[in-house]
Amino acid sequence: MRDGIHPAYGPVVFRDRAAGHAFLTRSTMTSEKTAVWEDGRTYPVVDVEVSDVSHPFHTGTVRVLDTAGRVERFERRYGNGEKG
């Protein structure tokens, strides 16, 4: 790789705020926040809202949020998908 054109690539802790889970990996992301990892070293921390620990696809806890009858309104307007 040519020097000076690529972002720095190094260890970063990603912390899932929803599940309270953190993992150490390498990334080009940076952060002003830091945390001491299990090995005793300090790494930059990037907070994420969803990871594989809290994502409904991976956990199997899918929640359907129906605000103001949107599903029923869609089914009335376009039918329930049955061909007849």
N, C-alpha and C. Protein backbone atom coordinates (compact mmCIF):
# COMPACT_ATOMS: atom_id res chain seq x y z
N MET A 1 0.84 -1.18 0.00
CA MET A 1 0.00 0.00 0.00
C MET A 1 0.88 1.24 0.00
N ARG A 2 0.40 2.27 -0.64
CA ARG A 2 1.13 3.53 -0.66
C ARG A 2 0.93 4.25 0.66
N ASP A 3 1.98 4.89 1.12
CA ASP A 3 1.90 5.64 2.37
C ASP A 3 1.12 6.93 2.19
N GLY A 4 0.34 7.28 3.22
CA GLY A 4 -0.32 8.56 3.25
C GLY A 4 -1.69 8.63 2.59
N ILE A 5 -2.16 7.56 1.95
CA ILE A 5 -3.47 7.65 1.30
C ILE A 5 -4.52 6.78 1.98
N HIS A 6 -4.14 5.92 2.89
CA HIS A 6 -5.07 5.02 3.56
C HIS A 6 -5.25 5.43 5.01
N PRO A 7 -6.47 5.28 5.56
CA PRO A 7 -6.67 5.60 6.98
C PRO A 7 -5.95 4.60 7.87
N ALA A 8 -5.67 5.02 9.08
CA ALA A 8 -4.99 4.14 10.04
C ALA A 8 -5.90 2.97 10.38
N TYR A 9 -5.34 1.77 10.43
CA TYR A 9 -6.07 0.55 10.70
C TYR A 9 -5.51 -0.06 11.97
N GLY A 10 -6.33 -0.11 13.01
CA GLY A 10 -5.82 -0.62 14.28
C GLY A 10 -6.92 -1.18 15.15
N PRO A 11 -6.56 -1.64 16.34
CA PRO A 11 -7.54 -2.24 17.24
C PRO A 11 -8.53 -1.20 17.77
N VAL A 12 -9.81 -1.58 17.81
CA VAL A 12 -10.89 -0.73 18.31
C VAL A 12 -11.88 -1.61 19.06
N VAL A 13 -12.39 -1.11 20.17
CA VAL A 13 -13.43 -1.81 20.91
C VAL A 13 -14.79 -1.29 20.44
N PHE A 14 -15.65 -2.21 20.00
CA PHE A 14 -17.03 -1.86 19.66
C PHE A 14 -17.91 -2.30 20.82
N ARG A 15 -18.72 -1.36 21.34
CA ARG A 15 -19.55 -1.63 22.49
C ARG A 15 -21.02 -1.51 22.09
N ASP A 16 -21.77 -2.60 22.26
CA ASP A 16 -23.20 -2.63 21.96
C ASP A 16 -23.94 -2.06 23.16
N ARG A 17 -24.53 -0.90 22.98
CA ARG A 17 -25.21 -0.23 24.09
C ARG A 17 -26.49 -0.94 24.48
N ALA A 18 -27.16 -1.60 23.56
CA ALA A 18 -28.42 -2.27 23.87
C ALA A 18 -28.22 -3.52 24.70
N ALA A 19 -27.14 -4.26 24.46
CA ALA A 19 -26.92 -5.53 25.13
C ALA A 19 -25.84 -5.48 26.20
N GLY A 20 -25.09 -4.39 26.26
CA GLY A 20 -24.00 -4.32 27.22
C GLY A 20 -22.85 -5.25 26.87
N HIS A 21 -22.67 -5.51 25.60
CA HIS A 21 -21.63 -6.43 25.12
C HIS A 21 -20.57 -5.62 24.38
N ALA A 22 -19.31 -6.03 24.50
CA ALA A 22 -18.22 -5.35 23.79
C ALA A 22 -17.32 -6.39 23.16
N PHE A 23 -16.70 -6.01 22.03
CA PHE A 23 -15.74 -6.91 21.39
C PHE A 23 -14.63 -6.08 20.78
N LEU A 24 -13.45 -6.67 20.74
CA LEU A 24 -12.26 -6.02 20.23
C LEU A 24 -11.99 -6.55 18.83
N THR A 25 -11.80 -5.64 17.89
CA THR A 25 -11.49 -6.00 16.51
C THR A 25 -10.62 -4.91 15.92
N ARG A 26 -10.27 -5.03 14.66
CA ARG A 26 -9.49 -4.01 13.98
C ARG A 26 -10.40 -3.24 13.05
N SER A 27 -10.20 -1.93 12.97
CA SER A 27 -11.05 -1.09 12.15
C SER A 27 -10.31 0.21 11.82
N THR A 28 -10.86 0.94 10.84
CA THR A 28 -10.35 2.28 10.54
C THR A 28 -11.11 3.35 11.29
N MET A 29 -12.17 2.97 12.03
CA MET A 29 -12.94 3.94 12.80
C MET A 29 -12.10 4.45 13.97
N THR A 30 -12.36 5.69 14.35
CA THR A 30 -11.66 6.28 15.48
C THR A 30 -12.68 6.87 16.44
N SER A 31 -12.23 7.17 17.65
CA SER A 31 -13.12 7.73 18.65
C SER A 31 -12.28 8.45 19.70
N GLU A 32 -12.89 9.47 20.30
CA GLU A 32 -12.24 10.17 21.40
C GLU A 32 -12.37 9.38 22.70
N LYS A 33 -13.39 8.52 22.79
CA LYS A 33 -13.61 7.71 23.99
C LYS A 33 -12.61 6.56 23.99
N THR A 34 -12.19 6.19 25.18
CA THR A 34 -11.28 5.05 25.33
C THR A 34 -11.77 4.15 26.46
N ALA A 35 -11.29 2.91 26.44
CA ALA A 35 -11.63 1.96 27.49
C ALA A 35 -10.46 1.00 27.67
N VAL A 36 -10.33 0.52 28.88
CA VAL A 36 -9.31 -0.48 29.18
C VAL A 36 -9.91 -1.84 28.89
N TRP A 37 -9.26 -2.61 28.03
CA TRP A 37 -9.75 -3.92 27.63
C TRP A 37 -9.25 -4.97 28.60
N GLU A 38 -9.65 -6.22 28.41
CA GLU A 38 -9.30 -7.33 29.29
C GLU A 38 -7.80 -7.57 29.37
N ASP A 39 -7.06 -7.18 28.35
CA ASP A 39 -5.61 -7.39 28.35
C ASP A 39 -4.86 -6.27 29.07
N GLY A 40 -5.59 -5.28 29.60
CA GLY A 40 -4.98 -4.19 30.33
C GLY A 40 -4.58 -3.00 29.49
N ARG A 41 -4.72 -3.09 28.19
CA ARG A 41 -4.38 -1.98 27.30
C ARG A 41 -5.60 -1.08 27.08
N THR A 42 -5.33 0.16 26.71
CA THR A 42 -6.38 1.12 26.44
C THR A 42 -6.60 1.23 24.94
N TYR A 43 -7.88 1.13 24.51
CA TYR A 43 -8.24 1.18 23.11
C TYR A 43 -9.35 2.21 22.89
N PRO A 44 -9.46 2.75 21.68
CA PRO A 44 -10.60 3.61 21.39
C PRO A 44 -11.89 2.79 21.39
N VAL A 45 -13.00 3.44 21.80
CA VAL A 45 -14.29 2.76 21.89
C VAL A 45 -15.28 3.41 20.93
N VAL A 46 -15.99 2.57 20.16
CA VAL A 46 -17.06 3.03 19.28
C VAL A 46 -18.35 2.39 19.79
N ASP A 47 -19.32 3.22 20.19
CA ASP A 47 -20.61 2.72 20.65
C ASP A 47 -21.52 2.46 19.46
N VAL A 48 -22.13 1.28 19.43
CA VAL A 48 -23.08 0.93 18.37
C VAL A 48 -24.42 0.62 19.02
N GLU A 49 -25.49 0.85 18.28
CA GLU A 49 -26.83 0.60 18.80
C GLU A 49 -27.20 -0.87 18.72
N VAL A 50 -26.76 -1.56 17.67
CA VAL A 50 -27.15 -2.95 17.45
C VAL A 50 -25.93 -3.74 16.98
N SER A 51 -25.77 -4.94 17.52
CA SER A 51 -24.74 -5.86 17.04
C SER A 51 -25.36 -7.24 16.93
N ASP A 52 -24.56 -8.26 16.66
CA ASP A 52 -25.11 -9.60 16.54
C ASP A 52 -25.68 -10.11 17.85
N VAL A 53 -25.30 -9.52 18.97
CA VAL A 53 -25.81 -9.95 20.27
C VAL A 53 -27.21 -9.42 20.52
N SER A 54 -27.55 -8.26 19.96
CA SER A 54 -28.86 -7.68 20.24
C SER A 54 -29.77 -7.57 19.02
N HIS A 55 -29.30 -7.92 17.84
CA HIS A 55 -30.13 -7.80 16.64
C HIS A 55 -31.22 -8.87 16.63
N PRO A 56 -32.46 -8.50 16.35
CA PRO A 56 -33.56 -9.47 16.37
C PRO A 56 -33.36 -10.67 15.44
N PHE A 57 -32.69 -10.49 14.33
CA PHE A 57 -32.46 -11.61 13.41
C PHE A 57 -31.61 -12.69 14.08
N HIS A 58 -30.58 -12.28 14.80
CA HIS A 58 -29.68 -13.23 15.44
C HIS A 58 -30.23 -13.78 16.74
N THR A 59 -31.04 -12.99 17.45
CA THR A 59 -31.55 -13.43 18.75
C THR A 59 -32.87 -14.16 18.64
N GLY A 60 -33.59 -13.98 17.53
CA GLY A 60 -34.87 -14.64 17.36
C GLY A 60 -36.02 -13.95 18.08
N THR A 61 -35.82 -12.75 18.54
CA THR A 61 -36.86 -12.01 19.24
C THR A 61 -37.35 -10.87 18.37
N VAL A 62 -38.10 -11.22 17.35
CA VAL A 62 -38.62 -10.22 16.42
C VAL A 62 -39.84 -9.57 17.05
N ARG A 63 -39.87 -8.24 17.04
CA ARG A 63 -41.00 -7.50 17.58
C ARG A 63 -41.68 -6.78 16.43
N VAL A 64 -42.99 -6.90 16.37
CA VAL A 64 -43.76 -6.20 15.36
C VAL A 64 -44.38 -4.98 16.02
N LEU A 65 -44.04 -3.81 15.54
CA LEU A 65 -44.59 -2.58 16.07
C LEU A 65 -45.64 -2.09 15.09
N ASP A 66 -46.87 -2.07 15.52
CA ASP A 66 -47.97 -1.61 14.67
C ASP A 66 -48.48 -0.30 15.24
N THR A 67 -48.09 0.78 14.64
CA THR A 67 -48.53 2.09 15.12
C THR A 67 -49.70 2.57 14.30
N ALA A 68 -50.79 2.81 14.97
CA ALA A 68 -52.00 3.37 14.37
C ALA A 68 -52.58 2.49 13.27
N GLY A 69 -52.49 1.15 13.43
CA GLY A 69 -53.12 0.24 12.50
C GLY A 69 -52.54 0.25 11.10
N ARG A 70 -51.27 0.45 10.96
CA ARG A 70 -50.66 0.52 9.63
C ARG A 70 -50.76 -0.80 8.88
N VAL A 71 -50.63 -1.91 9.59
CA VAL A 71 -50.71 -3.21 8.93
C VAL A 71 -52.12 -3.43 8.39
N GLU A 72 -53.12 -3.15 9.22
CA GLU A 72 -54.51 -3.32 8.76
C GLU A 72 -54.81 -2.40 7.60
N ARG A 73 -54.36 -1.17 7.64
CA ARG A 73 -54.59 -0.23 6.56
C ARG A 73 -53.92 -0.71 5.27
N PHE A 74 -52.72 -1.26 5.38
CA PHE A 74 -52.03 -1.81 4.21
C PHE A 74 -52.81 -2.99 3.64
N GLU A 75 -53.28 -3.89 4.51
CA GLU A 75 -54.02 -5.06 4.03
C GLU A 75 -55.34 -4.67 3.39
N ARG A 76 -56.02 -3.64 3.94
CA ARG A 76 -57.26 -3.17 3.31
C ARG A 76 -56.98 -2.58 1.94
N ARG A 77 -55.91 -1.84 1.84
CA ARG A 77 -55.61 -1.15 0.59
C ARG A 77 -55.10 -2.11 -0.48
N TYR A 78 -54.22 -3.02 -0.12
CA TYR A 78 -53.57 -3.87 -1.12
C TYR A 78 -53.94 -5.35 -1.00
N GLY A 79 -54.79 -5.70 -0.09
CA GLY A 79 -55.16 -7.08 0.11
C GLY A 79 -54.14 -7.76 0.98
N ASN A 80 -54.38 -9.02 1.29
CA ASN A 80 -53.46 -9.75 2.17
C ASN A 80 -52.51 -10.64 1.39
N GLY A 81 -52.36 -10.42 0.11
CA GLY A 81 -51.39 -11.16 -0.69
C GLY A 81 -51.94 -12.40 -1.37
N GLU A 82 -53.22 -12.69 -1.17
CA GLU A 82 -53.82 -13.87 -1.81
C GLU A 82 -54.20 -13.54 -3.24
N LYS A 83 -53.87 -14.44 -4.14
CA LYS A 83 -54.27 -14.25 -5.54
C LYS A 83 -55.56 -15.03 -5.77
N GLY A 84 -56.46 -14.43 -6.47
CA GLY A 84 -57.71 -15.11 -6.55
C GLY A 84 -58.26 -15.11 -7.88
